[in-house]
C-alpha cells in the first residue's frame, strides 16, 4: 500500500515538474515573440514618421508653388487692369476734348441764332406795322371793317362748302351702295360655292323589305290583330298591297314612322309576331330612336363645330331630324344655315363661332311646335332664353323671318343664310311634273333666239348652256344675247334661286396634210 502511494506521489511530482518546465519554455518563447513584435512596431513607426515627414515637405513645396503661381496670376491681372484703366483714361480725356470742342461750336451757333432771332423780330414788327396800315387802307377803300369782311368771306365759303359736301355725300352714298351690293353678292356667292350640301326631299312613307310574301300574313295576324296592335302603338298606317316582298308605312310624323320601321324590321328578323312581342319591339324601337336623337344632335354639333350647347337643346336638335318644312329636313336645313352663316361671317370679319351657333339654333322651335302652342319663332326664343343662350343668338332666332328688327350683323347673316338655304333648287319639294316642265320651257326659250344651235338645261335647271353658230353670232352679239335670254327667262318662268346663262361661241378651223 505504501509502495502504491509513493508511486502516485512520484507520478504527481513528475507531472508537476514537467508542467513547470513546459511553462518556462513557453514563457521564454513568448518573450522572444514580444521582443520581435516590439522591434517591428518600432520599425513601422519610424517608417511612418519618415513618410509623414516626406509628405509634409512635399505639401509645403506644393503650397509654395501654388502661392507663387497665384501671385504671378494676380500680378498679371493687376498689370492688365492697369493697362485697361490707362486706355480708359485716354478715351475719357479724348471724349472730354471732343465735348469741349462741341460745346464751343454750340455756343457760337447759339450766338448766331440769337442774332438772327433779333433780326427776325425786327422784321416781324415791321411786317405787322405794314399789315395794319394795309388793313386800314382796305377798310377805307371797301367801306367794311375787318370783322365784317371776315363774316362775308366765311358765309360765301360756307355756302360753297355745303354745296360741295352735299354733292360729295351723294356720290359717296351711291358708290357705297354699289360697292355694298357688289360685296354682298360676292359674299353670298362665295358662301354658296363653299357650302355645297346635298338635299333630299323628305316623304311621308317608308318601305320595309320582307324576306318573302308569306311574312305579310304573319304581320296581319289572325283577324288582323297584329297589324291593329302595331298601328295602335305607333300611330302609323301599314299599307300591305301587291308590292312584292315589301310593306309601306305611311305617316306625316317622321319620328313615329321611324319607330314603326325599326320595330317592324326587328319583328321580321325575329320571326315571332304577336301583340306582346309587338309591344316589346315598339318599346325597344322608341328607346333606339331616343338614342338616335341624341346622337344626331351631337353629330350636328360636331359637323358644324359648335360647343357648349345645353344638353336639352342638343336633344331638340336631334328631334329636328324627324321634322320637315316643305319637304326639306329641318336638321339638314339648320346645319346648312350654320355653315352658310359661318362662311358669311368669315368674309365680313365677324365672330364665326357665334354666327354658326345662331344659324344652327335659328329653327330650334320647330322641334316642339307640333306639341306646344305658338309659332316656331316664339317657341325657339323661349327655349333659348330658358337655357341661357347668348343675346345675339336669341335675336337671330326671333328676327330670321323679319318679325323683329335685327340688332346685330350676325342676325342679318342668319336671315340671309336661311333664305339662301330655302331658295336653293332642290332644297324644297316641287312636283316632278313642274320640275320637268320648267326645264323644257328653259330650253325652249333659249332655242328660240336666232343663231342658237343647241341649248341644254343642266344642274337641275340652275344653269343653261347655249351653243351659238359662230358665223351668225359675233362676240359682241353674245353679250346682248345672254342679257336678252336672262330677261326673257325672268319674264316667263317662275323658279327658285337663280339661273346662270352661259352663251358659248366656238370657232374651229381644220385642214388636211397631204
Protein backbone atom coordinates (compact mmCIF):
# COMPACT_ATOMS: atom_id res chain seq x y z
CA UNK A 1 0.00 0.00 0.00
CA UNK A 2 2.73 2.40 0.88
CA UNK A 3 4.51 1.49 -2.33
CA UNK A 4 1.42 2.46 -4.33
CA UNK A 5 1.13 5.76 -2.54
CA UNK A 6 4.78 6.52 -3.13
CA UNK A 7 4.34 5.67 -6.80
CA UNK A 8 1.37 8.04 -7.07
CA UNK A 9 3.21 10.85 -5.30
CA UNK A 10 6.18 10.34 -7.60
CA UNK A 11 3.96 10.45 -10.67
CA UNK A 12 2.28 13.63 -9.48
CA UNK A 13 5.66 15.22 -8.74
CA UNK A 14 6.96 14.21 -12.17
CA UNK A 15 3.86 15.73 -13.83
CA UNK A 16 4.26 18.97 -11.90
CA UNK A 17 7.93 19.20 -12.84
CA UNK A 18 7.06 18.58 -16.49
CA UNK A 19 4.37 21.25 -16.38
CA UNK A 20 6.75 23.82 -14.83
CA UNK A 21 9.40 23.05 -17.42
CA UNK A 22 6.86 23.46 -20.23
CA UNK A 23 5.55 26.70 -18.80
CA UNK A 24 9.04 28.11 -18.51
CA UNK A 25 9.73 27.22 -22.12
CA UNK A 26 6.54 28.81 -23.35
CA UNK A 27 7.24 31.94 -21.34
CA UNK A 28 10.65 32.20 -22.89
CA UNK A 29 9.19 31.79 -26.39
CA UNK A 30 6.54 34.42 -25.63
CA UNK A 31 9.21 36.89 -24.52
CA UNK A 32 11.10 36.33 -27.73
CA UNK A 33 7.94 36.87 -29.80
CA UNK A 34 7.07 40.05 -27.88
CA UNK A 35 10.55 41.39 -28.41
CA UNK A 36 10.35 40.73 -32.14
CA UNK A 37 6.91 42.44 -32.35
CA UNK A 38 8.19 45.49 -30.49
CA UNK A 39 11.11 45.75 -32.86
CA UNK A 40 8.75 45.51 -35.87
CA UNK A 41 6.42 48.11 -34.41
CA UNK A 42 9.31 50.48 -33.83
CA UNK A 43 10.39 49.96 -37.43
CA UNK A 44 6.86 50.64 -38.70
CA UNK A 45 6.59 53.79 -36.56
CA UNK A 46 9.96 55.02 -37.82
CA UNK A 47 8.92 54.33 -41.41
CA UNK A 48 5.60 56.14 -40.86
CA UNK A 49 7.37 59.15 -39.38
CA UNK A 50 9.74 59.28 -42.32
CA UNK A 51 6.81 59.03 -44.78
CA UNK A 52 4.90 61.73 -42.91
CA UNK A 53 7.93 63.99 -42.97
CA UNK A 54 8.29 63.47 -46.73
CA UNK A 55 4.59 64.16 -47.30
CA UNK A 56 4.87 67.27 -45.21
CA UNK A 57 7.83 68.54 -47.21
CA UNK A 58 6.01 67.74 -50.48
CA UNK A 59 2.86 69.53 -49.29
CA UNK A 60 4.91 72.57 -48.30
CA UNK A 61 6.56 72.60 -51.72
CA UNK A 62 3.22 72.33 -53.48
CA UNK A 63 1.76 75.09 -51.33
CA UNK A 64 4.73 77.32 -52.13
CA UNK A 65 4.30 76.57 -55.84
CA UNK A 66 0.56 77.35 -55.69
CA UNK A 67 1.24 80.59 -53.84
CA UNK A 68 3.85 81.54 -56.38
CA UNK A 69 1.52 80.71 -59.26
CA UNK A 70 -1.37 82.66 -57.70
CA UNK A 71 0.94 85.61 -57.08
CA UNK A 72 2.06 85.57 -60.72
CA UNK A 73 -1.53 85.43 -61.97
CA UNK A 74 -2.52 88.23 -59.62
CA UNK A 75 0.39 90.36 -60.82
CA UNK A 76 -0.61 89.65 -64.42
CA UNK A 77 -4.24 90.58 -63.75
CA UNK A 78 -3.20 93.76 -61.93
CA UNK A 79 -1.00 94.68 -64.85
CA UNK A 80 -3.86 94.08 -67.36
CA UNK A 81 -6.27 96.15 -65.27
CA UNK A 82 -3.77 98.97 -65.04
CA UNK A 83 -3.38 98.89 -68.82
CA UNK A 84 -7.17 98.89 -69.24
CA UNK A 85 -7.52 101.80 -66.84
CA UNK A 86 -4.84 103.64 -68.75
CA UNK A 87 -6.71 103.10 -72.03
CA UNK A 88 -9.99 104.17 -70.47
CA UNK A 89 -8.37 107.25 -69.08
CA UNK A 90 -7.06 108.14 -72.52
CA UNK A 91 -10.50 107.63 -74.08
CA UNK A 92 -12.08 109.76 -71.37
CA UNK A 93 -9.60 112.52 -71.99
CA UNK A 94 -10.32 112.33 -75.74
CA UNK A 95 -14.07 112.47 -75.13
CA UNK A 96 -13.69 115.46 -72.85
CA UNK A 97 -11.71 117.27 -75.50
CA UNK A 98 -14.35 116.41 -78.12
CA UNK A 99 -17.14 117.63 -75.82
CA UNK A 100 -15.27 120.84 -75.19
CA UNK A 101 -15.00 121.43 -78.93
CA UNK A 102 -18.68 120.66 -79.47
CA UNK A 103 -19.67 122.94 -76.60
CA UNK A 104 -17.70 125.79 -78.14
CA UNK A 105 -19.35 125.15 -81.51
CA UNK A 106 -22.81 125.13 -79.91
CA UNK A 107 -22.11 128.36 -78.10
CA UNK A 108 -21.05 130.00 -81.35
CA UNK A 109 -24.20 128.65 -83.10
CA UNK A 110 -26.40 129.86 -80.25
CA UNK A 111 -24.92 133.33 -80.50
CA UNK A 112 -25.55 133.32 -84.24
CA UNK A 113 -29.17 132.15 -83.74
CA UNK A 114 -29.77 134.88 -81.17
CA UNK A 115 -28.61 137.46 -83.68
CA UNK A 116 -30.90 136.02 -86.37
CA UNK A 117 -33.82 135.91 -83.92
CA UNK A 118 -33.34 139.60 -83.08
CA UNK A 119 -33.26 140.39 -86.79
CA UNK A 120 -36.45 138.32 -87.41
CA UNK A 121 -38.26 140.03 -84.52
CA UNK A 122 -37.48 143.38 -86.06
CA UNK A 123 -38.73 142.20 -89.44
CA UNK A 124 -41.93 140.79 -87.90
CA UNK A 125 -42.60 144.05 -86.14
CA UNK A 126 -42.17 145.90 -89.44
CA UNK A 127 -44.46 143.39 -91.23
CA UNK A 128 -47.11 143.78 -88.53
CA UNK A 129 -46.93 147.54 -88.92
CA UNK A 130 -47.26 147.31 -92.71
CA UNK A 131 -50.15 144.80 -92.35
CA UNK A 132 -52.00 147.14 -90.02
CA UNK A 133 -51.55 150.00 -92.48
CA UNK A 134 -52.73 147.83 -95.37
CA UNK A 135 -55.80 146.68 -93.35
CA UNK A 136 -56.71 150.26 -92.55
CA UNK A 137 -56.34 151.18 -96.21
CA UNK A 138 -58.53 148.19 -97.32
CA UNK A 139 -61.20 149.07 -94.77
CA UNK A 140 -61.21 152.66 -96.03
CA UNK A 141 -61.49 151.59 -99.68
CA UNK A 142 -64.13 148.80 -99.18
CA UNK A 143 -66.20 150.62 -96.62
CA UNK A 144 -66.23 147.50 -94.33
CA UNK A 145 -64.40 146.69 -91.19
CA UNK A 146 -62.19 143.60 -90.98
CA UNK A 147 -64.82 141.75 -88.89
CA UNK A 148 -67.50 142.45 -91.50
CA UNK A 149 -65.16 141.27 -94.28
CA UNK A 150 -64.41 138.03 -92.36
CA UNK A 151 -68.10 137.35 -91.84
CA UNK A 152 -68.86 137.91 -95.53
CA UNK A 153 -65.96 135.69 -96.60
CA UNK A 154 -66.89 132.89 -94.17
CA UNK A 155 -70.51 132.93 -95.33
CA UNK A 156 -69.59 132.67 -99.01
CA UNK A 157 -67.08 129.89 -98.29
CA UNK A 158 -69.64 128.07 -96.11
CA UNK A 159 -72.25 128.10 -98.90
CA UNK A 160 -69.72 126.69 -101.38
CA UNK A 161 -68.56 124.02 -98.92
CA UNK A 162 -72.16 122.96 -98.18
CA UNK A 163 -72.89 122.51 -101.88
CA UNK A 164 -69.68 120.58 -102.50
CA UNK A 165 -70.29 118.47 -99.36
CA UNK A 166 -73.81 117.60 -100.47
CA UNK A 167 -72.55 116.53 -103.89
CA UNK A 168 -69.74 114.51 -102.35
CA UNK A 169 -72.09 112.81 -99.85
CA UNK A 170 -74.47 111.87 -102.66
CA UNK A 171 -71.66 110.45 -104.79
CA UNK A 172 -70.13 108.58 -101.85
CA UNK A 173 -73.53 107.20 -100.83
CA UNK A 174 -74.22 105.92 -104.36
CA UNK A 175 -70.72 104.45 -104.58
CA UNK A 176 -71.05 102.86 -101.15
CA UNK A 177 -74.40 101.31 -102.06
CA UNK A 178 -72.96 99.96 -105.29
CA UNK A 179 -69.91 98.55 -103.51
CA UNK A 180 -72.06 97.12 -100.72
CA UNK A 181 -74.34 95.35 -103.20
CA UNK A 182 -71.33 94.03 -105.09
CA UNK A 183 -69.62 92.81 -101.92
CA UNK A 184 -72.83 91.25 -100.66
CA UNK A 185 -73.24 89.31 -103.91
CA UNK A 186 -69.61 88.19 -103.71
CA UNK A 187 -70.01 87.05 -100.10
CA UNK A 188 -73.22 85.16 -100.84
CA UNK A 189 -71.80 83.51 -103.96
CA UNK A 190 -68.61 82.54 -102.12
CA UNK A 191 -70.57 81.10 -99.21
CA UNK A 192 -72.86 79.09 -101.51
CA UNK A 193 -69.94 77.76 -103.53
CA UNK A 194 -68.10 76.65 -100.38
CA UNK A 195 -71.21 75.05 -98.85
CA UNK A 196 -72.41 72.57 -101.44
CA UNK A 197 -74.77 70.50 -99.31
CA UNK A 198 -76.92 67.71 -100.68
CA UNK A 199 -80.69 67.95 -100.42
CA UNK A 200 -83.21 65.15 -100.43
CA UNK A 201 -86.89 65.98 -100.12
CA UNK A 202 -88.49 64.07 -97.28
CA UNK A 203 -91.55 61.93 -98.00
CA UNK A 204 -94.39 60.68 -95.85
CA UNK A 205 -93.80 56.97 -96.43
CA UNK A 206 -91.18 54.36 -95.61
CA UNK A 207 -90.75 50.95 -97.19
CA UNK A 208 -89.78 47.84 -95.20
CA UNK A 209 -88.40 44.94 -97.20
CA UNK A 210 -89.66 41.44 -96.34
CA UNK A 211 -87.83 38.14 -96.86
CA UNK A 212 -90.93 36.68 -98.57
CA UNK A 213 -94.60 37.38 -99.18
CA UNK A 214 -95.67 34.87 -96.51
CA UNK A 215 -94.46 37.36 -93.92
CA UNK A 216 -97.32 39.71 -94.88
CA UNK A 217 -99.87 37.26 -93.47
CA UNK A 218 -97.93 36.96 -90.24
CA UNK A 219 -97.76 40.76 -89.95
CA UNK A 220 -101.55 41.00 -90.42
CA UNK A 221 -102.16 38.19 -87.91
CA UNK A 222 -105.32 36.36 -87.04
CA UNK A 223 -108.30 38.60 -87.82
CA UNK A 224 -105.81 41.48 -88.25
CA UNK A 225 -104.83 41.71 -84.58
CA UNK A 226 -101.09 42.11 -85.23
CA UNK A 227 -101.44 44.94 -87.71
CA UNK A 228 -104.02 46.69 -85.48
CA UNK A 229 -101.69 46.43 -82.50
CA UNK A 230 -98.76 47.85 -84.44
CA UNK A 231 -100.85 50.70 -85.87
CA UNK A 232 -102.30 51.48 -82.44
CA UNK A 233 -98.94 51.52 -80.66
CA UNK A 234 -97.08 53.56 -83.29
CA UNK A 235 -99.81 55.71 -84.87
CA UNK A 236 -98.59 54.67 -88.31
CA UNK A 237 -100.69 53.23 -91.12
CA UNK A 238 -99.40 49.96 -92.59
CA UNK A 239 -100.19 49.52 -96.29
CA UNK A 240 -99.94 45.89 -97.36
CA UNK A 241 -100.69 45.65 -101.07
CA UNK A 242 -99.49 43.67 -104.07
CA UNK A 243 -95.97 45.12 -103.87
CA UNK A 244 -93.73 42.04 -103.74
CA UNK A 245 -91.81 41.47 -100.52
CA UNK A 246 -92.47 44.98 -99.15
CA UNK A 247 -94.70 46.77 -96.66
CA UNK A 248 -95.33 50.52 -96.83
CA UNK A 249 -95.50 52.65 -93.65
CA UNK A 250 -97.43 55.89 -94.06
CA UNK A 251 -97.46 58.74 -91.51
CA UNK A 252 -96.97 62.50 -91.54
CA UNK A 253 -94.81 62.30 -88.38
CA UNK A 254 -91.32 61.03 -89.37
CA UNK A 255 -90.49 60.09 -85.77
CA UNK A 256 -93.47 57.78 -85.43
CA UNK A 257 -92.72 56.36 -88.86
CA UNK A 258 -89.12 55.65 -87.84
CA UNK A 259 -90.25 53.90 -84.64
CA UNK A 260 -92.64 51.74 -86.65
CA UNK A 261 -89.97 50.93 -89.25
CA UNK A 262 -87.40 49.84 -86.65
CA UNK A 263 -89.99 47.80 -84.73
CA UNK A 264 -91.26 46.07 -87.87
CA UNK A 265 -87.76 45.25 -89.07
CA UNK A 266 -86.97 43.72 -85.66
CA UNK A 267 -90.18 41.70 -85.74
CA UNK A 268 -89.46 40.40 -89.24
CA UNK A 269 -85.93 39.47 -88.25
CA UNK A 270 -87.09 37.76 -85.06
CA UNK A 271 -89.98 35.91 -86.74
CA UNK A 272 -92.16 35.86 -83.63
CA UNK A 273 -95.02 38.28 -84.36
CA UNK A 274 -97.81 38.59 -81.80
CA UNK A 275 -99.25 41.51 -79.78
CA UNK A 276 -97.00 41.05 -76.74
CA UNK A 277 -93.89 40.80 -78.89
CA UNK A 278 -95.02 43.83 -80.89
CA UNK A 279 -95.33 45.89 -77.70
CA UNK A 280 -91.83 44.84 -76.64
CA UNK A 281 -90.29 45.68 -80.03
CA UNK A 282 -92.07 49.06 -80.21
CA UNK A 283 -90.70 49.95 -76.78
CA UNK A 284 -87.18 48.96 -77.86
CA UNK A 285 -87.57 50.93 -81.08
CA UNK A 286 -88.65 54.02 -79.12
CA UNK A 287 -85.52 53.75 -76.97
CA UNK A 288 -83.37 53.34 -80.08
CA UNK A 289 -84.94 56.44 -81.61
CA UNK A 290 -84.24 58.42 -78.41
CA UNK A 291 -80.59 57.35 -78.57
CA UNK A 292 -80.54 58.21 -82.27
CA UNK A 293 -81.97 61.66 -81.49
CA UNK A 294 -79.17 62.40 -79.02
CA UNK A 295 -76.51 61.06 -81.40
CA UNK A 296 -77.90 63.09 -84.30
CA UNK A 297 -77.80 66.25 -82.19
CA UNK A 298 -74.21 65.60 -81.14
CA UNK A 299 -73.24 64.77 -84.72
CA UNK A 300 -74.74 68.07 -85.88
CA UNK A 301 -72.70 69.99 -83.28
CA UNK A 302 -69.56 68.13 -84.33
CA UNK A 303 -70.18 68.78 -88.02
CA UNK A 304 -70.76 72.49 -87.51
CA UNK A 305 -68.00 72.90 -84.89
CA UNK A 306 -70.18 74.41 -82.14
CA UNK A 307 -69.65 73.51 -78.47
CA UNK A 308 -71.16 74.33 -75.08
CA UNK A 309 -74.84 73.97 -76.01
CA UNK A 310 -77.21 72.78 -73.27
CA UNK A 311 -77.93 69.01 -73.41
CA UNK A 312 -81.69 69.63 -73.75
CA UNK A 313 -81.09 71.81 -76.80
CA UNK A 314 -78.91 69.03 -78.24
CA UNK A 315 -81.83 66.60 -77.89
CA UNK A 316 -84.16 69.09 -79.57
CA UNK A 317 -81.68 69.44 -82.43
CA UNK A 318 -81.70 65.66 -82.84
CA UNK A 319 -85.51 65.66 -82.95
CA UNK A 320 -85.36 68.05 -85.89
CA UNK A 321 -84.04 65.15 -87.97
CA UNK A 322 -87.64 63.91 -87.92
CA UNK A 323 -89.12 67.32 -88.77
CA UNK A 324 -89.61 68.64 -92.30
CA UNK A 325 -90.54 72.01 -93.78
CA UNK A 326 -91.92 71.89 -97.32
CA UNK A 327 -90.21 68.53 -97.66
CA UNK A 328 -86.83 69.90 -96.51
CA UNK A 329 -85.29 68.16 -93.49
CA UNK A 330 -85.20 70.69 -90.65
CA UNK A 331 -81.92 69.44 -89.15
CA UNK A 332 -80.09 69.44 -92.50
CA UNK A 333 -81.52 72.90 -93.17
CA UNK A 334 -80.24 74.16 -89.79
CA UNK A 335 -76.78 72.64 -90.39
CA UNK A 336 -76.58 74.27 -93.81
CA UNK A 337 -77.70 77.64 -92.40
CA UNK A 338 -74.98 77.30 -89.74
CA UNK A 339 -72.32 76.62 -92.40
CA UNK A 340 -73.53 79.50 -94.59
CA UNK A 341 -73.66 81.86 -91.59
CA UNK A 342 -70.11 80.92 -90.63
CA UNK A 343 -68.83 81.47 -94.15
CA UNK A 344 -70.56 84.85 -94.47
CA UNK A 345 -69.30 85.91 -91.03
CA UNK A 346 -65.78 84.88 -92.04
CA UNK A 347 -66.00 87.00 -95.21
CA UNK A 348 -67.19 90.00 -93.14
CA UNK A 349 -64.66 89.56 -90.32
CA UNK A 350 -67.26 88.70 -87.62
CA UNK A 351 -67.36 86.02 -84.92
CA UNK A 352 -67.62 82.78 -86.94
CA UNK A 353 -68.47 80.53 -83.97
CA UNK A 354 -71.25 82.79 -82.75
CA UNK A 355 -72.68 83.03 -86.29
CA UNK A 356 -72.65 79.21 -86.63
CA UNK A 357 -74.31 78.86 -83.23
CA UNK A 358 -77.08 81.29 -84.19
CA UNK A 359 -77.55 79.58 -87.57
CA UNK A 360 -77.78 76.12 -86.01
CA UNK A 361 -80.39 77.20 -83.42
CA UNK A 362 -82.46 79.56 -85.59
CA UNK A 363 -85.24 76.96 -86.19
CA UNK A 364 -84.98 75.15 -82.82
CA UNK A 365 -88.65 75.95 -82.16
CA UNK A 366 -89.66 73.55 -84.96
CA UNK A 367 -88.66 70.65 -82.71
CA UNK A 368 -91.65 71.34 -80.42
CA UNK A 369 -94.08 73.47 -82.48
CA UNK A 370 -96.32 70.44 -83.15
CA UNK A 371 -96.58 69.79 -79.39
CA UNK A 372 -96.86 73.33 -77.98
CA UNK A 373 -98.88 76.37 -78.93
CA UNK A 374 -97.17 79.24 -80.71
CA UNK A 375 -95.02 79.78 -83.80
CA UNK A 376 -91.63 78.14 -84.10
CA UNK A 377 -90.04 81.59 -83.66
CA UNK A 378 -91.77 82.24 -80.32
CA UNK A 379 -91.03 78.74 -79.10
CA UNK A 380 -87.40 79.00 -80.23
CA UNK A 381 -86.91 82.28 -78.35
CA UNK A 382 -88.45 80.79 -75.20
CA UNK A 383 -86.19 77.73 -75.40
CA UNK A 384 -83.05 79.81 -75.95
CA UNK A 385 -83.93 82.08 -73.02
CA UNK A 386 -84.74 79.06 -70.84
CA UNK A 387 -81.33 77.50 -71.49
CA UNK A 388 -79.45 80.83 -71.19
CA UNK A 389 -78.30 81.29 -74.77
CA UNK A 390 -76.39 84.36 -75.96
CA UNK A 391 -78.47 87.52 -76.55
CA UNK A 392 -77.21 87.68 -80.14
CA UNK A 393 -78.41 84.11 -80.75
CA UNK A 394 -81.84 84.94 -79.30
CA UNK A 395 -82.17 88.00 -81.54
CA UNK A 396 -81.13 85.93 -84.57
CA UNK A 397 -83.85 83.37 -83.74
CA UNK A 398 -86.62 85.95 -83.38
CA UNK A 399 -85.58 88.08 -86.37
CA UNK A 400 -84.76 85.46 -89.04
CA UNK A 401 -88.22 85.84 -90.59
CA UNK A 402 -88.38 89.62 -90.13
CA UNK A 403 -90.77 89.56 -87.14
CA UNK A 404 -88.32 91.62 -85.09
CA UNK A 405 -85.66 94.08 -86.20
CA UNK A 406 -82.15 92.54 -86.11
CA UNK A 407 -79.82 94.15 -83.60
CA UNK A 408 -76.54 92.77 -84.96
CA UNK A 409 -74.88 91.85 -88.23
CA UNK A 410 -74.93 88.20 -87.20
CA UNK A 411 -78.75 88.30 -87.09
CA UNK A 412 -78.76 89.73 -90.63
CA UNK A 413 -76.35 86.99 -91.75
CA UNK A 414 -78.60 84.25 -90.31
CA UNK A 415 -81.58 85.82 -92.07
CA UNK A 416 -79.72 85.77 -95.39
CA UNK A 417 -78.40 82.23 -94.88
CA UNK A 418 -81.91 80.96 -94.07
CA UNK A 419 -83.23 82.48 -97.30
CA UNK A 420 -80.37 81.03 -99.34
CA UNK A 421 -80.87 77.54 -97.93
CA UNK A 422 -84.63 77.56 -98.50
CA UNK A 423 -84.41 79.06 -102.00
CA UNK A 424 -81.78 76.71 -103.38
CA UNK A 425 -83.20 74.50 -106.14
CA UNK A 426 -83.98 71.02 -104.89
CA UNK A 427 -83.96 72.05 -101.24
CA UNK A 428 -87.73 72.19 -101.02
CA UNK A 429 -90.22 69.93 -102.69
CA UNK A 430 -91.56 70.53 -106.17
CA UNK A 431 -93.63 68.10 -108.15
CA UNK A 432 -91.73 66.15 -110.78
CA UNK A 433 -94.05 67.44 -113.48
CA UNK A 434 -93.45 71.10 -112.58
CA UNK A 435 -89.73 70.44 -112.45
CA UNK A 436 -89.54 68.76 -115.88
CA UNK A 437 -91.85 71.37 -117.44
CA UNK A 438 -89.62 74.15 -116.18
CA UNK A 439 -86.55 72.54 -117.74
CA UNK A 440 -88.37 72.10 -121.05
CA UNK A 441 -89.52 75.72 -121.03
CA UNK A 442 -85.99 76.82 -120.23
CA UNK A 443 -84.54 75.02 -123.23
CA UNK A 444 -87.42 76.23 -125.46
CA UNK A 445 -86.80 79.87 -124.53
CA UNK A 446 -83.06 79.66 -125.21
CA UNK A 447 -83.52 77.78 -128.51
CA UNK A 448 -85.94 80.41 -129.84
CA UNK A 449 -83.21 83.02 -130.31
CA UNK A 450 -81.70 83.47 -133.76
CA UNK A 451 -78.24 81.92 -134.21
CA UNK A 452 -78.66 79.34 -131.43
CA UNK A 453 -77.51 75.88 -132.50
CA UNK A 454 -78.17 73.89 -129.29
CA UNK A 455 -79.11 74.59 -125.68
CA UNK A 456 -79.02 72.43 -122.55
CA UNK A 457 -80.50 72.96 -119.11
CA UNK A 458 -78.09 71.45 -116.54
CA UNK A 459 -77.56 71.32 -112.78
CA UNK A 460 -81.27 70.81 -112.03
CA UNK A 461 -82.17 73.92 -114.02
CA UNK A 462 -79.75 76.23 -112.20
CA UNK A 463 -77.67 76.72 -115.37
CA UNK A 464 -78.37 76.78 -119.11
CA UNK A 465 -75.67 76.48 -121.76
CA UNK A 466 -76.37 77.99 -125.18
CA UNK A 467 -74.22 76.96 -128.17
CA UNK A 468 -74.37 79.57 -130.97
CA UNK A 469 -73.37 79.40 -134.64
CA UNK A 470 -70.12 81.41 -134.88
CA UNK A 471 -70.87 82.63 -138.42
CA UNK A 472 -74.18 84.18 -137.33
CA UNK A 473 -73.34 85.48 -133.83
CA UNK A 474 -70.32 87.67 -133.09
CA UNK A 475 -68.60 88.19 -129.74
CA UNK A 476 -70.45 91.47 -129.25
CA UNK A 477 -73.78 89.82 -130.11
CA UNK A 478 -73.12 87.16 -127.43
CA UNK A 479 -73.29 89.77 -124.67
CA UNK A 480 -76.65 91.08 -125.86
CA UNK A 481 -77.98 87.56 -126.38
CA UNK A 482 -77.09 86.48 -122.83
CA UNK A 483 -78.82 89.55 -121.41
CA UNK A 484 -81.94 89.08 -123.58
CA UNK A 485 -82.17 85.40 -122.63
CA UNK A 486 -81.92 86.30 -118.92
CA UNK A 487 -84.65 88.95 -119.27
CA UNK A 488 -86.99 86.57 -121.11
CA UNK A 489 -86.42 83.81 -118.51
CA UNK A 490 -87.22 86.27 -115.72
CA UNK A 491 -90.41 87.37 -117.52
CA UNK A 492 -91.76 83.93 -118.49
CA UNK A 493 -90.57 81.45 -115.83
CA UNK A 494 -91.10 81.04 -112.09
CA UNK A 495 -88.18 79.35 -110.37
CA UNK A 496 -86.38 79.31 -107.01
CA UNK A 497 -82.91 80.84 -106.73
CA UNK A 498 -81.00 81.94 -109.81
CA UNK A 499 -80.38 80.58 -113.30
CA UNK A 500 -76.98 81.13 -114.85
CA UNK A 501 -76.94 81.72 -118.62
CA UNK A 502 -73.76 80.69 -120.43
CA UNK A 503 -73.52 81.62 -124.13
CA UNK A 504 -70.68 79.73 -125.85
CA UNK A 505 -69.25 80.61 -129.27
CA UNK A 506 -66.67 78.16 -130.59
CA UNK A 507 -64.80 78.51 -133.91
CA UNK A 508 -62.97 75.56 -135.45
CA UNK A 509 -60.63 75.57 -138.44
CA UNK A 510 -59.42 72.28 -139.91
CA UNK A 511 -57.19 71.29 -142.81
CA UNK A 512 -55.67 68.09 -144.18
CA UNK A 513 -51.94 67.49 -144.61
CA UNK A 514 -51.23 65.52 -147.80
